[in-house]
Amino acid sequence: MPFYIEQTPLINLEFGIIPVVVDHSGISNIANNTFVRKGYPNPANTTVSIPFTMNQDEVVTVTLSDVAGQVLKTQVINAIGGQSMKATIAVNDLADGVYLYCVAANGQHSNGRIVVAH
């Protein structure tokens, strides 16, 4: 006769409500109607562009970090509400690898990933 042990999870993770909805074309932040599209080109060689649209005038900070979380590049943009904007960041001085970008404004942020390949 086989012996079965009921397995119970050792860790119970609760994330709550996450105000970010991911679709095929980018990241949409429901809380303040911002829209951040995926960075391109991916993989990037010399520069990466990160397009976004804000619903109102905002000061937007775009950061590029390594996977350890160290911020390598920062760009601050005065975004005009309702207009398509774009952060363009030079990556020609970065080593090949995976990098994370964050678009932040008014306490909200959207994240993405980009690969650098020379």
PDB file of N, CA and C in Angstrom:
ATOM      1  N   MET A   1       0.844  -1.166   0.000  1.00  0.00           N
ATOM      2  CA  MET A   1       0.000   0.000   0.000  1.00  0.00           C
ATOM      3  C   MET A   1       0.897   1.239   0.000  1.00  0.00           C
ATOM      4  N   PRO A   2       0.711   2.176  -0.975  1.00  0.00           N
ATOM      5  CA  PRO A   2       1.545   3.379  -1.025  1.00  0.00           C
ATOM      6  C   PRO A   2       1.230   4.308   0.140  1.00  0.00           C
ATOM      7  N   PHE A   3       2.252   5.019   0.550  1.00  0.00           N
ATOM      8  CA  PHE A   3       2.120   5.969   1.654  1.00  0.00           C
ATOM      9  C   PHE A   3       2.193   7.385   1.090  1.00  0.00           C
ATOM     10  N   TYR A   4       1.176   8.210   1.304  1.00  0.00           N
ATOM     11  CA  TYR A   4       1.115   9.567   0.785  1.00  0.00           C
ATOM     12  C   TYR A   4       1.189  10.568   1.923  1.00  0.00           C
ATOM     13  N   ILE A   5       1.962  11.607   1.685  1.00  0.00           N
ATOM     14  CA  ILE A   5       2.044  12.699   2.650  1.00  0.00           C
ATOM     15  C   ILE A   5       1.419  13.922   2.007  1.00  0.00           C
ATOM     16  N   GLU A   6       0.500  14.532   2.716  1.00  0.00           N
ATOM     17  CA  GLU A   6      -0.116  15.750   2.184  1.00  0.00           C
ATOM     18  C   GLU A   6       0.919  16.876   2.247  1.00  0.00           C
ATOM     19  N   GLN A   7       1.154  17.504   1.111  1.00  0.00           N
ATOM     20  CA  GLN A   7       2.145  18.575   1.066  1.00  0.00           C
ATOM     21  C   GLN A   7       1.457  19.920   1.206  1.00  0.00           C
ATOM     22  N   THR A   8       1.954  20.713   2.130  1.00  0.00           N
ATOM     23  CA  THR A   8       1.443  22.067   2.306  1.00  0.00           C
ATOM     24  C   THR A   8       2.550  23.040   1.945  1.00  0.00           C
ATOM     25  N   PRO A   9       2.196  24.172   1.356  1.00  0.00           N
ATOM     26  CA  PRO A   9       3.232  25.130   0.964  1.00  0.00           C
ATOM     27  C   PRO A   9       3.935  25.699   2.182  1.00  0.00           C
ATOM     28  N   LEU A  10       5.243  25.870   2.059  1.00  0.00           N
ATOM     29  CA  LEU A  10       6.030  26.436   3.142  1.00  0.00           C
ATOM     30  C   LEU A  10       5.983  27.956   3.135  1.00  0.00           C
ATOM     31  N   ILE A  11       5.760  28.534   1.963  1.00  0.00           N
ATOM     32  CA  ILE A  11       5.724  29.990   1.831  1.00  0.00           C
ATOM     33  C   ILE A  11       4.427  30.373   1.137  1.00  0.00           C
ATOM     34  N   ASN A  12       3.738  31.331   1.680  1.00  0.00           N
ATOM     35  CA  ASN A  12       2.517  31.831   1.075  1.00  0.00           C
ATOM     36  C   ASN A  12       2.759  33.294   0.704  1.00  0.00           C
ATOM     37  N   LEU A  13       2.807  33.596  -0.581  1.00  0.00           N
ATOM     38  CA  LEU A  13       3.070  34.946  -1.054  1.00  0.00           C
ATOM     39  C   LEU A  13       1.767  35.622  -1.432  1.00  0.00           C
ATOM     40  N   GLU A  14       1.571  36.838  -0.950  1.00  0.00           N
ATOM     41  CA  GLU A  14       0.411  37.627  -1.323  1.00  0.00           C
ATOM     42  C   GLU A  14       0.890  38.945  -1.893  1.00  0.00           C
ATOM     43  N   PHE A  15       0.518  39.218  -3.129  1.00  0.00           N
ATOM     44  CA  PHE A  15       0.972  40.408  -3.801  1.00  0.00           C
ATOM     45  C   PHE A  15      -0.044  41.535  -3.782  1.00  0.00           C
ATOM     46  N   GLY A  16      -1.281  41.265  -3.479  1.00  0.00           N
ATOM     47  CA  GLY A  16      -2.302  42.303  -3.479  1.00  0.00           C
ATOM     48  C   GLY A  16      -2.636  42.725  -4.898  1.00  0.00           C
ATOM     49  N   ILE A  17      -3.202  43.897  -5.033  1.00  0.00           N
ATOM     50  CA  ILE A  17      -3.593  44.421  -6.333  1.00  0.00           C
ATOM     51  C   ILE A  17      -2.389  45.076  -6.986  1.00  0.00           C
ATOM     52  N   ILE A  18      -2.084  44.666  -8.190  1.00  0.00           N
ATOM     53  CA  ILE A  18      -0.972  45.235  -8.935  1.00  0.00           C
ATOM     54  C   ILE A  18      -1.548  46.155 -10.005  1.00  0.00           C
ATOM     55  N   PRO A  19      -1.226  47.478  -9.975  1.00  0.00           N
ATOM     56  CA  PRO A  19      -1.869  48.416 -10.890  1.00  0.00           C
ATOM     57  C   PRO A  19      -1.255  48.458 -12.285  1.00  0.00           C
ATOM     58  N   VAL A  20      -0.563  47.423 -12.702  1.00  0.00           N
ATOM     59  CA  VAL A  20       0.067  47.413 -14.017  1.00  0.00           C
ATOM     60  C   VAL A  20      -0.485  46.242 -14.812  1.00  0.00           C
ATOM     61  N   VAL A  21      -0.923  46.512 -16.035  1.00  0.00           N
ATOM     62  CA  VAL A  21      -1.440  45.474 -16.921  1.00  0.00           C
ATOM     63  C   VAL A  21      -0.480  45.359 -18.092  1.00  0.00           C
ATOM     64  N   VAL A  22       0.012  44.164 -18.351  1.00  0.00           N
ATOM     65  CA  VAL A  22       0.969  43.959 -19.438  1.00  0.00           C
ATOM     66  C   VAL A  22       0.213  43.423 -20.638  1.00  0.00           C
ATOM     67  N   ASP A  23       0.434  44.037 -21.807  1.00  0.00           N
ATOM     68  CA  ASP A  23      -0.135  43.523 -23.038  1.00  0.00           C
ATOM     69  C   ASP A  23       0.999  43.281 -24.023  1.00  0.00           C
ATOM     70  N   HIS A  24       0.680  42.953 -25.263  1.00  0.00           N
ATOM     71  CA  HIS A  24       1.711  42.625 -26.237  1.00  0.00           C
ATOM     72  C   HIS A  24       2.488  43.833 -26.728  1.00  0.00           C
ATOM     73  N   SER A  25       1.975  45.030 -26.567  1.00  0.00           N
ATOM     74  CA  SER A  25       2.651  46.195 -27.125  1.00  0.00           C
ATOM     75  C   SER A  25       3.331  47.059 -26.074  1.00  0.00           C
ATOM     76  N   GLY A  26       3.195  46.769 -24.795  1.00  0.00           N
ATOM     77  CA  GLY A  26       3.862  47.568 -23.785  1.00  0.00           C
ATOM     78  C   GLY A  26       3.244  47.380 -22.421  1.00  0.00           C
ATOM     79  N   ILE A  27       3.441  48.353 -21.569  1.00  0.00           N
ATOM     80  CA  ILE A  27       2.967  48.305 -20.204  1.00  0.00           C
ATOM     81  C   ILE A  27       2.040  49.480 -19.982  1.00  0.00           C
ATOM     82  N   SER A  28       0.839  49.218 -19.489  1.00  0.00           N
ATOM     83  CA  SER A  28      -0.124  50.271 -19.248  1.00  0.00           C
ATOM     84  C   SER A  28      -0.352  50.396 -17.751  1.00  0.00           C
ATOM     85  N   ASN A  29      -0.221  51.590 -17.219  1.00  0.00           N
ATOM     86  CA  ASN A  29      -0.428  51.830 -15.808  1.00  0.00           C
ATOM     87  C   ASN A  29      -1.822  52.402 -15.630  1.00  0.00           C
ATOM     88  N   ILE A  30      -2.714  51.619 -15.062  1.00  0.00           N
ATOM     89  CA  ILE A  30      -4.109  52.013 -14.937  1.00  0.00           C
ATOM     90  C   ILE A  30      -4.278  53.193 -13.992  1.00  0.00           C
ATOM     91  N   ALA A  31      -3.434  53.308 -12.963  1.00  0.00           N
ATOM     92  CA  ALA A  31      -3.609  54.330 -11.930  1.00  0.00           C
ATOM     93  C   ALA A  31      -3.586  55.743 -12.489  1.00  0.00           C
ATOM     94  N   ASN A  32      -2.699  56.036 -13.436  1.00  0.00           N
ATOM     95  CA  ASN A  32      -2.649  57.402 -13.955  1.00  0.00           C
ATOM     96  C   ASN A  32      -2.622  57.457 -15.478  1.00  0.00           C
ATOM     97  N   ASN A  33      -3.087  56.383 -16.121  1.00  0.00           N
ATOM     98  CA  ASN A  33      -3.230  56.342 -17.580  1.00  0.00           C
ATOM     99  C   ASN A  33      -1.939  56.667 -18.325  1.00  0.00           C
ATOM    100  N   THR A  34      -0.826  56.147 -17.855  1.00  0.00           N
ATOM    101  CA  THR A  34       0.409  56.269 -18.605  1.00  0.00           C
ATOM    102  C   THR A  34       0.574  55.012 -19.440  1.00  0.00           C
ATOM    103  N   PHE A  35       1.338  55.130 -20.492  1.00  0.00           N
ATOM    104  CA  PHE A  35       1.573  53.983 -21.349  1.00  0.00           C
ATOM    105  C   PHE A  35       3.037  53.964 -21.730  1.00  0.00           C
ATOM    106  N   VAL A  36       3.727  52.891 -21.391  1.00  0.00           N
ATOM    107  CA  VAL A  36       5.138  52.723 -21.734  1.00  0.00           C
ATOM    108  C   VAL A  36       5.239  51.545 -22.681  1.00  0.00           C
ATOM    109  N   ARG A  37       5.756  51.802 -23.887  1.00  0.00           N
ATOM    110  CA  ARG A  37       5.953  50.719 -24.841  1.00  0.00           C
ATOM    111  C   ARG A  37       7.293  50.053 -24.573  1.00  0.00           C
ATOM    112  N   LYS A  38       7.481  48.895 -25.143  1.00  0.00           N
ATOM    113  CA  LYS A  38       8.724  48.159 -24.966  1.00  0.00           C
ATOM    114  C   LYS A  38       9.890  48.921 -25.591  1.00  0.00           C
ATOM    115  N   GLY A  39      11.052  48.857 -24.919  1.00  0.00           N
ATOM    116  CA  GLY A  39      12.258  49.479 -25.444  1.00  0.00           C
ATOM    117  C   GLY A  39      12.696  48.797 -26.729  1.00  0.00           C
ATOM    118  N   TYR A  40      13.248  49.576 -27.627  1.00  0.00           N
ATOM    119  CA  TYR A  40      13.702  49.027 -28.909  1.00  0.00           C
ATOM    120  C   TYR A  40      14.956  49.757 -29.362  1.00  0.00           C
ATOM    121  N   PRO A  41      15.769  49.217 -30.223  1.00  0.00           N
ATOM    122  CA  PRO A  41      15.741  47.824 -30.670  1.00  0.00           C
ATOM    123  C   PRO A  41      16.150  46.904 -29.521  1.00  0.00           C
ATOM    124  N   ASN A  42      15.725  45.692 -29.600  1.00  0.00           N
ATOM    125  CA  ASN A  42      16.058  44.734 -28.559  1.00  0.00           C
ATOM    126  C   ASN A  42      16.410  43.415 -29.225  1.00  0.00           C
ATOM    127  N   PRO A  43      17.665  43.067 -29.319  1.00  0.00           N
ATOM    128  CA  PRO A  43      18.809  43.626 -28.613  1.00  0.00           C
ATOM    129  C   PRO A  43      19.284  44.953 -29.206  1.00  0.00           C
ATOM    130  N   ALA A  44      19.863  45.772 -28.338  1.00  0.00           N
ATOM    131  CA  ALA A  44      20.372  47.084 -28.730  1.00  0.00           C
ATOM    132  C   ALA A  44      21.881  47.014 -28.920  1.00  0.00           C
ATOM    133  N   ASN A  45      22.388  47.898 -29.782  1.00  0.00           N
ATOM    134  CA  ASN A  45      23.816  47.936 -30.055  1.00  0.00           C
ATOM    135  C   ASN A  45      24.424  49.271 -29.617  1.00  0.00           C
ATOM    136  N   THR A  46      23.861  50.373 -30.084  1.00  0.00           N
ATOM    137  CA  THR A  46      24.413  51.693 -29.753  1.00  0.00           C
ATOM    138  C   THR A  46      23.481  52.531 -28.883  1.00  0.00           C
ATOM    139  N   THR A  47      22.178  52.499 -29.163  1.00  0.00           N
ATOM    140  CA  THR A  47      21.200  53.242 -28.372  1.00  0.00           C
ATOM    141  C   THR A  47      19.942  52.398 -28.181  1.00  0.00           C
ATOM    142  N   VAL A  48      19.199  52.722 -27.145  1.00  0.00           N
ATOM    143  CA  VAL A  48      17.894  52.104 -26.921  1.00  0.00           C
ATOM    144  C   VAL A  48      16.888  53.230 -26.769  1.00  0.00           C
ATOM    145  N   SER A  49      15.725  53.068 -27.368  1.00  0.00           N
ATOM    146  CA  SER A  49      14.646  54.052 -27.270  1.00  0.00           C
ATOM    147  C   SER A  49      13.516  53.445 -26.451  1.00  0.00           C
ATOM    148  N   ILE A  50      12.981  54.251 -25.530  1.00  0.00           N
ATOM    149  CA  ILE A  50      11.882  53.804 -24.678  1.00  0.00           C
ATOM    150  C   ILE A  50      10.736  54.792 -24.852  1.00  0.00           C
ATOM    151  N   PRO A  51       9.729  54.451 -25.665  1.00  0.00           N
ATOM    152  CA  PRO A  51       8.606  55.351 -25.908  1.00  0.00           C
ATOM    153  C   PRO A  51       7.563  55.284 -24.788  1.00  0.00           C
ATOM    154  N   PHE A  52       6.954  56.427 -24.502  1.00  0.00           N
ATOM    155  CA  PHE A  52       5.906  56.475 -23.489  1.00  0.00           C
ATOM    156  C   PHE A  52       4.983  57.641 -23.759  1.00  0.00           C
ATOM    157  N   THR A  53       3.791  57.584 -23.181  1.00  0.00           N
ATOM    158  CA  THR A  53       2.806  58.654 -23.266  1.00  0.00           C
ATOM    159  C   THR A  53       2.249  58.878 -21.874  1.00  0.00           C
ATOM    160  N   MET A  54       2.164  60.131 -21.453  1.00  0.00           N
ATOM    161  CA  MET A  54       1.588  60.481 -20.159  1.00  0.00           C
ATOM    162  C   MET A  54       0.243  61.155 -20.408  1.00  0.00           C
ATOM    163  N   ASN A  55      -0.692  61.015 -19.464  1.00  0.00           N
ATOM    164  CA  ASN A  55      -1.992  61.642 -19.663  1.00  0.00           C
ATOM    165  C   ASN A  55      -1.982  63.121 -19.290  1.00  0.00           C
ATOM    166  N   GLN A  56      -0.954  63.564 -18.586  1.00  0.00           N
ATOM    167  CA  GLN A  56      -0.829  64.980 -18.233  1.00  0.00           C
ATOM    168  C   GLN A  56       0.645  65.348 -18.205  1.00  0.00           C
ATOM    169  N   ASP A  57       0.953  66.634 -18.139  1.00  0.00           N
ATOM    170  CA  ASP A  57       2.332  67.079 -18.067  1.00  0.00           C
ATOM    171  C   ASP A  57       2.975  66.503 -16.819  1.00  0.00           C
ATOM    172  N   GLU A  58       4.118  65.868 -16.973  1.00  0.00           N
ATOM    173  CA  GLU A  58       4.822  65.219 -15.866  1.00  0.00           C
ATOM    174  C   GLU A  58       6.321  65.335 -16.073  1.00  0.00           C
ATOM    175  N   VAL A  59       7.065  65.330 -14.988  1.00  0.00           N
ATOM    176  CA  VAL A  59       8.508  65.154 -15.048  1.00  0.00           C
ATOM    177  C   VAL A  59       8.745  63.652 -14.943  1.00  0.00           C
ATOM    178  N   VAL A  60       9.341  63.089 -15.978  1.00  0.00           N
ATOM    179  CA  VAL A  60       9.538  61.643 -16.077  1.00  0.00           C
ATOM    180  C   VAL A  60      11.018  61.336 -15.926  1.00  0.00           C
ATOM    181  N   THR A  61      11.331  60.364 -15.096  1.00  0.00           N
ATOM    182  CA  THR A  61      12.707  59.916 -14.932  1.00  0.00           C
ATOM    183  C   THR A  61      12.834  58.517 -15.502  1.00  0.00           C
ATOM    184  N   VAL A  62      13.766  58.343 -16.437  1.00  0.00           N
ATOM    185  CA  VAL A  62      14.018  57.044 -17.042  1.00  0.00           C
ATOM    186  C   VAL A  62      15.407  56.608 -16.596  1.00  0.00           C
ATOM    187  N   THR A  63      15.484  55.430 -15.982  1.00  0.00           N
ATOM    188  CA  THR A  63      16.779  54.923 -15.521  1.00  0.00           C
ATOM    189  C   THR A  63      17.074  53.587 -16.200  1.00  0.00           C
ATOM    190  N   LEU A  64      18.357  53.340 -16.397  1.00  0.00           N
ATOM    191  CA  LEU A  64      18.837  52.077 -16.936  1.00  0.00           C
ATOM    192  C   LEU A  64      19.764  51.490 -15.882  1.00  0.00           C
ATOM    193  N   SER A  65      19.480  50.262 -15.453  1.00  0.00           N
ATOM    194  CA  SER A  65      20.235  49.619 -14.382  1.00  0.00           C
ATOM    195  C   SER A  65      20.747  48.265 -14.839  1.00  0.00           C
ATOM    196  N   ASP A  66      21.785  47.779 -14.152  1.00  0.00           N
ATOM    197  CA  ASP A  66      22.211  46.407 -14.393  1.00  0.00           C
ATOM    198  C   ASP A  66      21.302  45.486 -13.583  1.00  0.00           C
ATOM    199  N   VAL A  67      21.450  44.183 -13.746  1.00  0.00           N
ATOM    200  CA  VAL A  67      20.546  43.249 -13.079  1.00  0.00           C
ATOM    201  C   VAL A  67      20.753  43.221 -11.564  1.00  0.00           C
ATOM    202  N   ALA A  68      21.855  43.778 -11.074  1.00  0.00           N
ATOM    203  CA  ALA A  68      22.086  43.876  -9.632  1.00  0.00           C
ATOM    204  C   ALA A  68      21.389  45.095  -9.032  1.00  0.00           C
ATOM    205  N   GLY A  69      20.811  45.956  -9.895  1.00  0.00           N
ATOM    206  CA  GLY A  69      20.089  47.126  -9.415  1.00  0.00           C
ATOM    207  C   GLY A  69      20.875  48.411  -9.402  1.00  0.00           C
ATOM    208  N   GLN A  70      22.132  48.384  -9.826  1.00  0.00           N
ATOM    209  CA  GLN A  70      22.947  49.595  -9.859  1.00  0.00           C
ATOM    210  C   GLN A  70      22.517  50.461 -11.043  1.00  0.00           C
ATOM    211  N   VAL A  71      22.112  51.705 -10.754  1.00  0.00           N
ATOM    212  CA  VAL A  71      21.685  52.618 -11.809  1.00  0.00           C
ATOM    213  C   VAL A  71      22.909  53.066 -12.601  1.00  0.00           C
ATOM    214  N   LEU A  72      22.879  52.853 -13.912  1.00  0.00           N
ATOM    215  CA  LEU A  72      23.999  53.188 -14.792  1.00  0.00           C
ATOM    216  C   LEU A  72      23.755  54.470 -15.575  1.00  0.00           C
ATOM    217  N   LYS A  73      22.513  54.709 -15.953  1.00  0.00           N
ATOM    218  CA  LYS A  73      22.164  55.883 -16.761  1.00  0.00           C
ATOM    219  C   LYS A  73      20.834  56.431 -16.267  1.00  0.00           C
ATOM    220  N   THR A  74      20.698  57.753 -16.303  1.00  0.00           N
ATOM    221  CA  THR A  74      19.451  58.406 -15.918  1.00  0.00           C
ATOM    222  C   THR A  74      19.147  59.513 -16.910  1.00  0.00           C
ATOM    223  N   GLN A  75      17.887  59.625 -17.279  1.00  0.00           N
ATOM    224  CA  GLN A  75      17.445  60.705 -18.160  1.00  0.00           C
ATOM    225  C   GLN A  75      16.143  61.278 -17.597  1.00  0.00           C
ATOM    226  N   VAL A  76      16.098  62.607 -17.467  1.00  0.00           N
ATOM    227  CA  VAL A  76      14.904  63.289 -16.972  1.00  0.00           C
ATOM    228  C   VAL A  76      14.270  64.029 -18.141  1.00  0.00           C
ATOM    229  N   ILE A  77      12.960  63.815 -18.320  1.00  0.00           N
ATOM    230  CA  ILE A  77      12.243  64.388 -19.460  1.00  0.00           C
ATOM    231  C   ILE A  77      11.009  65.111 -18.945  1.00  0.00           C
ATOM    232  N   ASN A  78      10.791  66.327 -19.412  1.00  0.00           N
ATOM    233  CA  ASN A  78       9.550  67.045 -19.130  1.00  0.00           C
ATOM    234  C   ASN A  78       8.525  66.617 -20.171  1.00  0.00           C
ATOM    235  N   ALA A  79       7.691  65.650 -19.807  1.00  0.00           N
ATOM    236  CA  ALA A  79       6.721  65.089 -20.743  1.00  0.00           C
ATOM    237  C   ALA A  79       5.497  65.982 -20.838  1.00  0.00           C
ATOM    238  N   ILE A  80       4.967  66.093 -22.033  1.00  0.00           N
ATOM    239  CA  ILE A  80       3.751  66.863 -22.295  1.00  0.00           C
ATOM    240  C   ILE A  80       2.599  65.871 -22.379  1.00  0.00           C
ATOM    241  N   GLY A  81       1.561  66.111 -21.606  1.00  0.00           N
ATOM    242  CA  GLY A  81       0.425  65.215 -21.547  1.00  0.00           C
ATOM    243  C   GLY A  81      -0.202  64.959 -22.908  1.00  0.00           C
ATOM    244  N   GLY A  82      -0.486  63.692 -23.188  1.00  0.00           N
ATOM    245  CA  GLY A  82      -1.150  63.311 -24.422  1.00  0.00           C
ATOM    246  C   GLY A  82      -0.236  63.173 -25.622  1.00  0.00           C
ATOM    247  N   GLN A  83       1.026  63.539 -25.502  1.00  0.00           N
ATOM    248  CA  GLN A  83       1.953  63.437 -26.633  1.00  0.00           C
ATOM    249  C   GLN A  83       2.865  62.232 -26.463  1.00  0.00           C
ATOM    250  N   SER A  84       3.170  61.577 -27.552  1.00  0.00           N
ATOM    251  CA  SER A  84       4.127  60.476 -27.526  1.00  0.00           C
ATOM    252  C   SER A  84       5.517  61.044 -27.280  1.00  0.00           C
ATOM    253  N   MET A  85       6.182  60.513 -26.292  1.00  0.00           N
ATOM    254  CA  MET A  85       7.530  60.948 -25.933  1.00  0.00           C
ATOM    255  C   MET A  85       8.448  59.738 -26.052  1.00  0.00           C
ATOM    256  N   LYS A  86       9.776  60.000 -26.020  1.00  0.00           N
ATOM    257  CA  LYS A  86      10.722  58.906 -26.145  1.00  0.00           C
ATOM    258  C   LYS A  86      12.005  59.265 -25.419  1.00  0.00           C
ATOM    259  N   ALA A  87      12.488  58.348 -24.599  1.00  0.00           N
ATOM    260  CA  ALA A  87      13.817  58.480 -23.995  1.00  0.00           C
ATOM    261  C   ALA A  87      14.770  57.685 -24.871  1.00  0.00           C
ATOM    262  N   THR A  88      15.877  58.299 -25.255  1.00  0.00           N
ATOM    263  CA  THR A  88      16.898  57.608 -26.031  1.00  0.00           C
ATOM    264  C   THR A  88      18.171  57.588 -25.205  1.00  0.00           C
ATOM    265  N   ILE A  89      18.658  56.389 -24.916  1.00  0.00           N
ATOM    266  CA  ILE A  89      19.805  56.211 -24.031  1.00  0.00           C
ATOM    267  C   ILE A  89      20.916  55.496 -24.784  1.00  0.00           C
ATOM    268  N   ALA A  90      22.121  56.048 -24.724  1.00  0.00           N
ATOM    269  CA  ALA A  90      23.283  55.430 -25.358  1.00  0.00           C
ATOM    270  C   ALA A  90      23.704  54.198 -24.559  1.00  0.00           C
ATOM    271  N   VAL A  91      23.915  53.084 -25.258  1.00  0.00           N
ATOM    272  CA  VAL A  91      24.346  51.847 -24.606  1.00  0.00           C
ATOM    273  C   VAL A  91      25.643  51.309 -25.208  1.00  0.00           C
ATOM    274  N   ASN A  92      26.255  52.102 -26.096  1.00  0.00           N
ATOM    275  CA  ASN A  92      27.472  51.639 -26.759  1.00  0.00           C
ATOM    276  C   ASN A  92      28.637  51.461 -25.789  1.00  0.00           C
ATOM    277  N   ASP A  93      28.577  52.090 -24.603  1.00  0.00           N
ATOM    278  CA  ASP A  93      29.640  51.959 -23.618  1.00  0.00           C
ATOM    279  C   ASP A  93      29.359  50.874 -22.573  1.00  0.00           C
ATOM    280  N   LEU A  94      28.256  50.146 -22.728  1.00  0.00           N
ATOM    281  CA  LEU A  94      27.903  49.086 -21.792  1.00  0.00           C
ATOM    282  C   LEU A  94      28.343  47.731 -22.328  1.00  0.00           C
ATOM    283  N   ALA A  95      28.645  46.828 -21.420  1.00  0.00           N
ATOM    284  CA  ALA A  95      29.025  45.468 -21.801  1.00  0.00           C
ATOM    285  C   ALA A  95      27.794  44.706 -22.294  1.00  0.00           C
ATOM    286  N   ASP A  96      28.021  43.683 -23.092  1.00  0.00           N
ATOM    287  CA  ASP A  96      26.921  42.824 -23.523  1.00  0.00           C
ATOM    288  C   ASP A  96      26.229  42.249 -22.297  1.00  0.00           C
ATOM    289  N   GLY A  97      24.904  42.198 -22.347  1.00  0.00           N
ATOM    290  CA  GLY A  97      24.176  41.619 -21.232  1.00  0.00           C
ATOM    291  C   GLY A  97      22.751  42.125 -21.155  1.00  0.00           C
ATOM    292  N   VAL A  98      22.086  41.796 -20.061  1.00  0.00           N
ATOM    293  CA  VAL A  98      20.698  42.181 -19.826  1.00  0.00           C
ATOM    294  C   VAL A  98      20.680  43.378 -18.885  1.00  0.00           C
ATOM    295  N   TYR A  99      19.857  44.367 -19.229  1.00  0.00           N
ATOM    296  CA  TYR A  99      19.715  45.581 -18.429  1.00  0.00           C
ATOM    297  C   TYR A  99      18.233  45.852 -18.208  1.00  0.00           C
ATOM    298  N   LEU A 100      17.928  46.554 -17.127  1.00  0.00           N
ATOM    299  CA  LEU A 100      16.550  46.870 -16.772  1.00  0.00           C
ATOM    300  C   LEU A 100      16.334  48.370 -16.894  1.00  0.00           C
ATOM    301  N   TYR A 101      15.176  48.759 -17.439  1.00  0.00           N
ATOM    302  CA  TYR A 101      14.855  50.182 -17.476  1.00  0.00           C
ATOM    303  C   TYR A 101      13.600  50.436 -16.662  1.00  0.00           C
ATOM    304  N   CYS A 102      13.510  51.646 -16.132  1.00  0.00           N
ATOM    305  CA  CYS A 102      12.367  52.044 -15.318  1.00  0.00           C
ATOM    306  C   CYS A 102      11.935  53.434 -15.758  1.00  0.00           C
ATOM    307  N   VAL A 103      10.651  53.592 -16.037  1.00  0.00           N
ATOM    308  CA  VAL A 103      10.069  54.883 -16.376  1.00  0.00           C
ATOM    309  C   VAL A 103       9.206  55.279 -15.184  1.00  0.00           C
ATOM    310  N   ALA A 104       9.580  56.375 -14.499  1.00  0.00           N
ATOM    311  CA  ALA A 104       8.903  56.770 -13.267  1.00  0.00           C
ATOM    312  C   ALA A 104       8.391  58.200 -13.357  1.00  0.00           C
ATOM    313  N   ALA A 105       7.170  58.409 -12.840  1.00  0.00           N
ATOM    314  CA  ALA A 105       6.581  59.747 -12.781  1.00  0.00           C
ATOM    315  C   ALA A 105       5.491  59.746 -11.719  1.00  0.00           C
ATOM    316  N   ASN A 106       5.464  60.783 -10.920  1.00  0.00           N
ATOM    317  CA  ASN A 106       4.386  61.001  -9.953  1.00  0.00           C
ATOM    318  C   ASN A 106       4.161  59.792  -9.046  1.00  0.00           C
ATOM    319  N   GLY A 107       5.252  59.173  -8.585  1.00  0.00           N
ATOM    320  CA  GLY A 107       5.149  58.049  -7.667  1.00  0.00           C
ATOM    321  C   GLY A 107       4.806  56.717  -8.305  1.00  0.00           C
ATOM    322  N   GLN A 108       4.583  56.683  -9.600  1.00  0.00           N
ATOM    323  CA  GLN A 108       4.278  55.449 -10.319  1.00  0.00           C
ATOM    324  C   GLN A 108       5.476  55.072 -11.192  1.00  0.00           C
ATOM    325  N   HIS A 109       5.627  53.789 -11.485  1.00  0.00           N
ATOM    326  CA  HIS A 109       6.717  53.380 -12.378  1.00  0.00           C
ATOM    327  C   HIS A 109       6.327  52.144 -13.178  1.00  0.00           C
ATOM    328  N   SER A 110       6.979  52.017 -14.324  1.00  0.00           N
ATOM    329  CA  SER A 110       6.835  50.847 -15.191  1.00  0.00           C
ATOM    330  C   SER A 110       8.233  50.377 -15.541  1.00  0.00           C
ATOM    331  N   ASN A 111       8.431  49.076 -15.549  1.00  0.00           N
ATOM    332  CA  ASN A 111       9.751  48.500 -15.778  1.00  0.00           C
ATOM    333  C   ASN A 111       9.771  47.658 -17.038  1.00  0.00           C
ATOM    334  N   GLY A 112      10.966  47.509 -17.594  1.00  0.00           N
ATOM    335  CA  GLY A 112      11.158  46.651 -18.753  1.00  0.00           C
ATOM    336  C   GLY A 112      12.577  46.146 -18.784  1.00  0.00           C
ATOM    337  N   ARG A 113      12.857  45.306 -19.767  1.00  0.00           N
ATOM    338  CA  ARG A 113      14.170  44.690 -19.884  1.00  0.00           C
ATOM    339  C   ARG A 113      14.682  44.880 -21.299  1.00  0.00           C
ATOM    340  N   ILE A 114      15.974  45.107 -21.394  1.00  0.00           N
ATOM    341  CA  ILE A 114      16.607  45.276 -22.708  1.00  0.00           C
ATOM    342  C   ILE A 114      17.910  44.478 -22.718  1.00  0.00           C
ATOM    343  N   VAL A 115      18.248  43.942 -23.869  1.00  0.00           N
ATOM    344  CA  VAL A 115      19.513  43.209 -24.037  1.00  0.00           C
ATOM    345  C   VAL A 115      20.451  44.080 -24.850  1.00  0.00           C
ATOM    346  N   VAL A 116      21.699  44.179 -24.421  1.00  0.00           N
ATOM    347  CA  VAL A 116      22.741  44.887 -25.169  1.00  0.00           C
ATOM    348  C   VAL A 116      23.658  43.832 -25.770  1.00  0.00           C
ATOM    349  N   ALA A 117      23.839  43.900 -27.088  1.00  0.00           N
ATOM    350  CA  ALA A 117      24.707  42.967 -27.803  1.00  0.00           C
ATOM    351  C   ALA A 117      25.470  43.747 -28.863  1.00  0.00           C
ATOM    352  N   HIS A 118      26.779  43.745 -28.737  1.00  0.00           N
ATOM    353  CA  HIS A 118      27.632  44.478 -29.698  1.00  0.00           C
ATOM    354  C   HIS A 118      28.164  43.549 -30.769  1.00  0.00           C
TER     355      HIS A 118
END
